[in-house]
């Protein structure tokens, strides 16, 4: 019986855990509304948007990598 590649699974596990940290950091863009003002609002949003784009790119890669990992065992339709 085939089983999942342990090393690949472990690497993906830690990538997911790192994503969890990245997503939690997004909350900092809205956590302290008293500190966001006319001077730093654009920079604050830019940080959020760039982080969001990076996270979605990494999530798409994770989706594909996890599909491949499982597809090595059995063909998923």
PDB file of N, CA and C in Angstrom:
ATOM      1  N   UNK A   1       0.848  -1.179   0.000  1.00  0.00           N
ATOM      2  CA  UNK A   1       0.000   0.000   0.000  1.00  0.00           C
ATOM      3  C   UNK A   1       0.895   1.245   0.000  1.00  0.00           C
ATOM      4  N   UNK A   2       0.585   2.177  -0.868  1.00  0.00           N
ATOM      5  CA  UNK A   2       1.331   3.433  -0.936  1.00  0.00           C
ATOM      6  C   UNK A   2       0.930   4.344   0.218  1.00  0.00           C
ATOM      7  N   UNK A   3       1.886   5.113   0.679  1.00  0.00           N
ATOM      8  CA  UNK A   3       1.601   6.127   1.697  1.00  0.00           C
ATOM      9  C   UNK A   3       2.187   7.464   1.237  1.00  0.00           C
ATOM     10  N   UNK A   4       1.790   8.495   1.893  1.00  0.00           N
ATOM     11  CA  UNK A   4       2.230   9.838   1.558  1.00  0.00           C
ATOM     12  C   UNK A   4       3.731   9.990   1.818  1.00  0.00           C
ATOM     13  N   UNK A   5       4.389  10.751   0.979  1.00  0.00           N
ATOM     14  CA  UNK A   5       5.804  11.047   1.143  1.00  0.00           C
ATOM     15  C   UNK A   5       5.986  11.859   2.421  1.00  0.00           C
ATOM     16  N   UNK A   6       6.647  11.269   3.400  1.00  0.00           N
ATOM     17  CA  UNK A   6       6.766  11.872   4.731  1.00  0.00           C
ATOM     18  C   UNK A   6       7.497  13.213   4.681  1.00  0.00           C
ATOM     19  N   UNK A   7       8.575  13.289   3.939  1.00  0.00           N
ATOM     20  CA  UNK A   7       9.367  14.522   3.884  1.00  0.00           C
ATOM     21  C   UNK A   7       8.579  15.661   3.225  1.00  0.00           C
ATOM     22  N   UNK A   8       7.924  15.369   2.118  1.00  0.00           N
ATOM     23  CA  UNK A   8       7.117  16.393   1.449  1.00  0.00           C
ATOM     24  C   UNK A   8       5.970  16.844   2.352  1.00  0.00           C
ATOM     25  N   UNK A   9       5.339  15.883   3.014  1.00  0.00           N
ATOM     26  CA  UNK A   9       4.221  16.215   3.907  1.00  0.00           C
ATOM     27  C   UNK A   9       4.688  17.113   5.055  1.00  0.00           C
ATOM     28  N   UNK A  10       5.849  16.803   5.610  1.00  0.00           N
ATOM     29  CA  UNK A  10       6.376  17.614   6.712  1.00  0.00           C
ATOM     30  C   UNK A  10       6.676  19.039   6.239  1.00  0.00           C
ATOM     31  N   UNK A  11       7.291  19.164   5.071  1.00  0.00           N
ATOM     32  CA  UNK A  11       7.588  20.497   4.531  1.00  0.00           C
ATOM     33  C   UNK A  11       6.314  21.296   4.300  1.00  0.00           C
ATOM     34  N   UNK A  12       5.296  20.655   3.744  1.00  0.00           N
ATOM     35  CA  UNK A  12       4.022  21.344   3.506  1.00  0.00           C
ATOM     36  C   UNK A  12       3.349  21.715   4.820  1.00  0.00           C
ATOM     37  N   UNK A  13       3.459  20.851   5.805  1.00  0.00           N
ATOM     38  CA  UNK A  13       2.897  21.146   7.122  1.00  0.00           C
ATOM     39  C   UNK A  13       3.479  22.451   7.666  1.00  0.00           C
ATOM     40  N   UNK A  14       4.809  22.588   7.580  1.00  0.00           N
ATOM     41  CA  UNK A  14       5.443  23.794   8.109  1.00  0.00           C
ATOM     42  C   UNK A  14       5.147  25.023   7.249  1.00  0.00           C
ATOM     43  N   UNK A  15       4.954  24.820   5.962  1.00  0.00           N
ATOM     44  CA  UNK A  15       4.540  25.947   5.120  1.00  0.00           C
ATOM     45  C   UNK A  15       3.164  26.447   5.543  1.00  0.00           C
ATOM     46  N   UNK A  16       2.268  25.525   5.851  1.00  0.00           N
ATOM     47  CA  UNK A  16       0.927  25.905   6.309  1.00  0.00           C
ATOM     48  C   UNK A  16       1.014  26.639   7.646  1.00  0.00           C
ATOM     49  N   UNK A  17       1.842  26.153   8.547  1.00  0.00           N
ATOM     50  CA  UNK A  17       2.004  26.823   9.839  1.00  0.00           C
ATOM     51  C   UNK A  17       2.559  28.236   9.644  1.00  0.00           C
ATOM     52  N   UNK A  18       3.491  28.414   8.703  1.00  0.00           N
ATOM     53  CA  UNK A  18       4.026  29.749   8.412  1.00  0.00           C
ATOM     54  C   UNK A  18       2.949  30.651   7.824  1.00  0.00           C
ATOM     55  N   UNK A  19       2.069  30.083   7.023  1.00  0.00           N
ATOM     56  CA  UNK A  19       0.966  30.861   6.461  1.00  0.00           C
ATOM     57  C   UNK A  19       0.051  31.361   7.580  1.00  0.00           C
ATOM     58  N   UNK A  20      -0.139  30.534   8.563  1.00  0.00           N
ATOM     59  CA  UNK A  20      -0.961  30.918   9.712  1.00  0.00           C
ATOM     60  C   UNK A  20      -0.393  32.184  10.353  1.00  0.00           C
ATOM     61  N   UNK A  21       0.906  32.229  10.522  1.00  0.00           N
ATOM     62  CA  UNK A  21       1.567  33.401  11.097  1.00  0.00           C
ATOM     63  C   UNK A  21       1.389  34.625  10.189  1.00  0.00           C
ATOM     64  N   UNK A  22       1.543  34.442   8.895  1.00  0.00           N
ATOM     65  CA  UNK A  22       1.393  35.553   7.943  1.00  0.00           C
ATOM     66  C   UNK A  22      -0.022  36.121   7.965  1.00  0.00           C
ATOM     67  N   UNK A  23      -0.996  35.243   8.037  1.00  0.00           N
ATOM     68  CA  UNK A  23      -2.393  35.695   8.068  1.00  0.00           C
ATOM     69  C   UNK A  23      -2.686  36.445   9.357  1.00  0.00           C
ATOM     70  N   UNK A  24      -2.158  35.961  10.465  1.00  0.00           N
ATOM     71  CA  UNK A  24      -2.360  36.657  11.737  1.00  0.00           C
ATOM     72  C   UNK A  24      -1.759  38.064  11.692  1.00  0.00           C
ATOM     73  N   UNK A  25      -0.638  38.213  10.993  1.00  0.00           N
ATOM     74  CA  UNK A  25      -0.004  39.530  10.890  1.00  0.00           C
ATOM     75  C   UNK A  25      -0.863  40.530  10.136  1.00  0.00           C
ATOM     76  N   UNK A  26      -1.731  40.069   9.264  1.00  0.00           N
ATOM     77  CA  UNK A  26      -2.612  40.980   8.540  1.00  0.00           C
ATOM     78  C   UNK A  26      -3.513  41.761   9.494  1.00  0.00           C
ATOM     79  N   UNK A  27      -3.831  41.168  10.619  1.00  0.00           N
ATOM     80  CA  UNK A  27      -4.700  41.840  11.594  1.00  0.00           C
ATOM     81  C   UNK A  27      -4.080  43.135  12.095  1.00  0.00           C
ATOM     82  N   UNK A  28      -2.758  43.234  12.039  1.00  0.00           N
ATOM     83  CA  UNK A  28      -2.092  44.448  12.494  1.00  0.00           C
ATOM     84  C   UNK A  28      -2.488  45.683  11.703  1.00  0.00           C
ATOM     85  N   UNK A  29      -2.997  45.488  10.491  1.00  0.00           N
ATOM     86  CA  UNK A  29      -3.404  46.632   9.664  1.00  0.00           C
ATOM     87  C   UNK A  29      -4.692  47.287  10.157  1.00  0.00           C
ATOM     88  N   UNK A  30      -5.432  46.595  10.998  1.00  0.00           N
ATOM     89  CA  UNK A  30      -6.684  47.157  11.523  1.00  0.00           C
ATOM     90  C   UNK A  30      -6.768  47.080  13.043  1.00  0.00           C
ATOM     91  N   UNK A  31      -5.736  46.555  13.666  1.00  0.00           N
ATOM     92  CA  UNK A  31      -5.775  46.306  15.105  1.00  0.00           C
ATOM     93  C   UNK A  31      -5.799  47.589  15.931  1.00  0.00           C
ATOM     94  N   UNK A  32      -5.026  48.588  15.537  1.00  0.00           N
ATOM     95  CA  UNK A  32      -4.937  49.830  16.307  1.00  0.00           C
ATOM     96  C   UNK A  32      -5.378  51.017  15.449  1.00  0.00           C
ATOM     97  N   UNK A  33      -6.674  51.215  15.307  1.00  0.00           N
ATOM     98  CA  UNK A  33      -7.161  52.268  14.412  1.00  0.00           C
ATOM     99  C   UNK A  33      -6.705  53.674  14.807  1.00  0.00           C
ATOM    100  N   UNK A  34      -6.383  53.894  16.072  1.00  0.00           N
ATOM    101  CA  UNK A  34      -5.935  55.217  16.498  1.00  0.00           C
ATOM    102  C   UNK A  34      -4.563  55.573  15.930  1.00  0.00           C
ATOM    103  N   UNK A  35      -3.808  54.572  15.470  1.00  0.00           N
ATOM    104  CA  UNK A  35      -2.470  54.827  14.943  1.00  0.00           C
ATOM    105  C   UNK A  35      -2.443  55.001  13.432  1.00  0.00           C
ATOM    106  N   UNK A  36      -3.559  54.746  12.768  1.00  0.00           N
ATOM    107  CA  UNK A  36      -3.620  54.944  11.322  1.00  0.00           C
ATOM    108  C   UNK A  36      -4.301  56.283  11.069  1.00  0.00           C
ATOM    109  N   UNK A  37      -3.559  57.150  10.403  1.00  0.00           N
ATOM    110  CA  UNK A  37      -4.073  58.497  10.149  1.00  0.00           C
ATOM    111  C   UNK A  37      -3.798  58.878   8.696  1.00  0.00           C
ATOM    112  N   UNK A  38      -4.029  60.129   8.368  1.00  0.00           N
ATOM    113  CA  UNK A  38      -3.847  60.595   6.994  1.00  0.00           C
ATOM    114  C   UNK A  38      -2.416  60.400   6.508  1.00  0.00           C
ATOM    115  N   UNK A  39      -1.465  60.449   7.398  1.00  0.00           N
ATOM    116  CA  UNK A  39      -0.058  60.364   7.010  1.00  0.00           C
ATOM    117  C   UNK A  39       0.384  58.935   6.686  1.00  0.00           C
ATOM    118  N   UNK A  40      -0.181  57.949   7.364  1.00  0.00           N
ATOM    119  CA  UNK A  40       0.308  56.587   7.162  1.00  0.00           C
ATOM    120  C   UNK A  40      -0.734  55.603   6.625  1.00  0.00           C
ATOM    121  N   UNK A  41      -1.925  56.078   6.304  1.00  0.00           N
ATOM    122  CA  UNK A  41      -2.985  55.179   5.836  1.00  0.00           C
ATOM    123  C   UNK A  41      -2.597  54.482   4.531  1.00  0.00           C
ATOM    124  N   UNK A  42      -2.026  55.235   3.601  1.00  0.00           N
ATOM    125  CA  UNK A  42      -1.645  54.644   2.314  1.00  0.00           C
ATOM    126  C   UNK A  42      -0.574  53.564   2.501  1.00  0.00           C
ATOM    127  N   UNK A  43       0.411  53.863   3.315  1.00  0.00           N
ATOM    128  CA  UNK A  43       1.479  52.895   3.591  1.00  0.00           C
ATOM    129  C   UNK A  43       0.930  51.657   4.302  1.00  0.00           C
ATOM    130  N   UNK A  44       0.012  51.860   5.226  1.00  0.00           N
ATOM    131  CA  UNK A  44      -0.619  50.765   5.959  1.00  0.00           C
ATOM    132  C   UNK A  44      -1.384  49.852   5.000  1.00  0.00           C
ATOM    133  N   UNK A  45      -2.162  50.462   4.112  1.00  0.00           N
ATOM    134  CA  UNK A  45      -2.920  49.667   3.149  1.00  0.00           C
ATOM    135  C   UNK A  45      -1.988  48.956   2.172  1.00  0.00           C
ATOM    136  N   UNK A  46      -0.943  49.635   1.747  1.00  0.00           N
ATOM    137  CA  UNK A  46       0.016  49.032   0.818  1.00  0.00           C
ATOM    138  C   UNK A  46       0.639  47.783   1.443  1.00  0.00           C
ATOM    139  N   UNK A  47       0.993  47.868   2.720  1.00  0.00           N
ATOM    140  CA  UNK A  47       1.529  46.700   3.428  1.00  0.00           C
ATOM    141  C   UNK A  47       0.505  45.566   3.419  1.00  0.00           C
ATOM    142  N   UNK A  48      -0.751  45.896   3.750  1.00  0.00           N
ATOM    143  CA  UNK A  48      -1.802  44.875   3.763  1.00  0.00           C
ATOM    144  C   UNK A  48      -1.958  44.241   2.388  1.00  0.00           C
ATOM    145  N   UNK A  49      -2.065  45.071   1.362  1.00  0.00           N
ATOM    146  CA  UNK A  49      -2.326  44.563   0.019  1.00  0.00           C
ATOM    147  C   UNK A  49      -1.182  43.690  -0.488  1.00  0.00           C
ATOM    148  N   UNK A  50       0.054  44.120  -0.280  1.00  0.00           N
ATOM    149  CA  UNK A  50       1.202  43.321  -0.708  1.00  0.00           C
ATOM    150  C   UNK A  50       1.282  42.002   0.048  1.00  0.00           C
ATOM    151  N   UNK A  51       0.996  42.052   1.331  1.00  0.00           N
ATOM    152  CA  UNK A  51       0.983  40.821   2.129  1.00  0.00           C
ATOM    153  C   UNK A  51      -0.132  39.891   1.669  1.00  0.00           C
ATOM    154  N   UNK A  52      -1.282  40.458   1.386  1.00  0.00           N
ATOM    155  CA  UNK A  52      -2.424  39.684   0.902  1.00  0.00           C
ATOM    156  C   UNK A  52      -2.081  38.985  -0.410  1.00  0.00           C
ATOM    157  N   UNK A  53      -1.482  39.717  -1.344  1.00  0.00           N
ATOM    158  CA  UNK A  53      -1.103  39.129  -2.635  1.00  0.00           C
ATOM    159  C   UNK A  53      -0.095  37.995  -2.430  1.00  0.00           C
ATOM    160  N   UNK A  54       0.862  38.197  -1.555  1.00  0.00           N
ATOM    161  CA  UNK A  54       1.867  37.172  -1.278  1.00  0.00           C
ATOM    162  C   UNK A  54       1.217  35.926  -0.668  1.00  0.00           C
ATOM    163  N   UNK A  55       0.305  36.132   0.253  1.00  0.00           N
ATOM    164  CA  UNK A  55      -0.384  35.019   0.908  1.00  0.00           C
ATOM    165  C   UNK A  55      -1.217  34.238  -0.103  1.00  0.00           C
ATOM    166  N   UNK A  56      -1.960  34.931  -0.954  1.00  0.00           N
ATOM    167  CA  UNK A  56      -2.785  34.216  -1.930  1.00  0.00           C
ATOM    168  C   UNK A  56      -1.918  33.450  -2.934  1.00  0.00           C
ATOM    169  N   UNK A  57      -0.780  34.012  -3.306  1.00  0.00           N
ATOM    170  CA  UNK A  57       0.143  33.317  -4.205  1.00  0.00           C
ATOM    171  C   UNK A  57       0.660  32.042  -3.530  1.00  0.00           C
ATOM    172  N   UNK A  58       1.037  32.151  -2.272  1.00  0.00           N
ATOM    173  CA  UNK A  58       1.541  30.989  -1.537  1.00  0.00           C
ATOM    174  C   UNK A  58       0.444  29.943  -1.322  1.00  0.00           C
ATOM    175  N   UNK A  59      -0.788  30.404  -1.078  1.00  0.00           N
ATOM    176  CA  UNK A  59      -1.894  29.462  -0.901  1.00  0.00           C
ATOM    177  C   UNK A  59      -2.167  28.692  -2.191  1.00  0.00           C
ATOM    178  N   UNK A  60      -2.100  29.366  -3.315  1.00  0.00           N
ATOM    179  CA  UNK A  60      -2.299  28.674  -4.590  1.00  0.00           C
ATOM    180  C   UNK A  60      -1.216  27.640  -4.831  1.00  0.00           C
ATOM    181  N   UNK A  61       0.019  27.982  -4.486  1.00  0.00           N
ATOM    182  CA  UNK A  61       1.120  27.033  -4.626  1.00  0.00           C
ATOM    183  C   UNK A  61       0.907  25.847  -3.683  1.00  0.00           C
ATOM    184  N   UNK A  62       0.494  26.134  -2.453  1.00  0.00           N
ATOM    185  CA  UNK A  62       0.214  25.057  -1.499  1.00  0.00           C
ATOM    186  C   UNK A  62      -0.873  24.124  -2.024  1.00  0.00           C
ATOM    187  N   UNK A  63      -1.919  24.714  -2.578  1.00  0.00           N
ATOM    188  CA  UNK A  63      -3.019  23.911  -3.121  1.00  0.00           C
ATOM    189  C   UNK A  63      -2.485  22.934  -4.164  1.00  0.00           C
ATOM    190  N   UNK A  64      -1.649  23.423  -5.058  1.00  0.00           N
ATOM    191  CA  UNK A  64      -1.095  22.571  -6.104  1.00  0.00           C
ATOM    192  C   UNK A  64      -0.144  21.523  -5.537  1.00  0.00           C
ATOM    193  N   UNK A  65       0.695  21.923  -4.595  1.00  0.00           N
ATOM    194  CA  UNK A  65       1.650  20.989  -4.005  1.00  0.00           C
ATOM    195  C   UNK A  65       0.947  19.885  -3.210  1.00  0.00           C
ATOM    196  N   UNK A  66      -0.103  20.244  -2.502  1.00  0.00           N
ATOM    197  CA  UNK A  66      -0.838  19.251  -1.720  1.00  0.00           C
ATOM    198  C   UNK A  66      -1.606  18.309  -2.644  1.00  0.00           C
ATOM    199  N   UNK A  67      -2.126  18.842  -3.730  1.00  0.00           N
ATOM    200  CA  UNK A  67      -2.775  18.001  -4.731  1.00  0.00           C
ATOM    201  C   UNK A  67      -1.776  16.978  -5.276  1.00  0.00           C
ATOM    202  N   UNK A  68      -0.581  17.452  -5.658  1.00  0.00           N
ATOM    203  CA  UNK A  68       0.444  16.559  -6.204  1.00  0.00           C
ATOM    204  C   UNK A  68       0.847  15.495  -5.186  1.00  0.00           C
ATOM    205  N   UNK A  69       0.980  15.895  -3.932  1.00  0.00           N
ATOM    206  CA  UNK A  69       1.360  14.958  -2.877  1.00  0.00           C
ATOM    207  C   UNK A  69       0.344  13.832  -2.755  1.00  0.00           C
ATOM    208  N   UNK A  70      -0.925  14.180  -2.757  1.00  0.00           N
ATOM    209  CA  UNK A  70      -1.967  13.166  -2.642  1.00  0.00           C
ATOM    210  C   UNK A  70      -2.126  12.385  -3.943  1.00  0.00           C
ATOM    211  N   UNK A  71      -1.905  13.061  -5.045  1.00  0.00           N
ATOM    212  CA  UNK A  71      -2.069  12.409  -6.341  1.00  0.00           C
ATOM    213  C   UNK A  71      -0.967  11.375  -6.592  1.00  0.00           C
ATOM    214  N   UNK A  72       0.159  11.479  -5.873  1.00  0.00           N
ATOM    215  CA  UNK A  72       1.207  10.475  -5.986  1.00  0.00           C
ATOM    216  C   UNK A  72       0.711   9.110  -5.484  1.00  0.00           C
ATOM    217  N   UNK A  73      -0.220   9.133  -4.587  1.00  0.00           N
ATOM    218  CA  UNK A  73      -0.731   7.891  -3.997  1.00  0.00           C
ATOM    219  C   UNK A  73      -1.843   7.315  -4.865  1.00  0.00           C
ATOM    220  N   UNK A  74      -2.757   8.171  -5.227  1.00  0.00           N
ATOM    221  CA  UNK A  74      -3.903   7.722  -6.023  1.00  0.00           C
ATOM    222  C   UNK A  74      -4.321   8.843  -6.927  1.00  0.00           C
ATOM    223  N   UNK A  75      -4.791   8.517  -8.085  1.00  0.00           N
ATOM    224  CA  UNK A  75      -5.206   9.559  -9.019  1.00  0.00           C
ATOM    225  C   UNK A  75      -6.494  10.198  -8.533  1.00  0.00           C
ATOM    226  N   UNK A  76      -6.435  11.517  -8.326  1.00  0.00           N
ATOM    227  CA  UNK A  76      -7.607  12.271  -7.864  1.00  0.00           C
ATOM    228  C   UNK A  76      -8.290  12.864  -9.087  1.00  0.00           C
ATOM    229  N   UNK A  77      -9.575  12.734  -9.140  1.00  0.00           N
ATOM    230  CA  UNK A  77     -10.323  13.265 -10.288  1.00  0.00           C
ATOM    231  C   UNK A  77     -11.045  14.514  -9.927  1.00  0.00           C
TER     232      UNK A  77
END
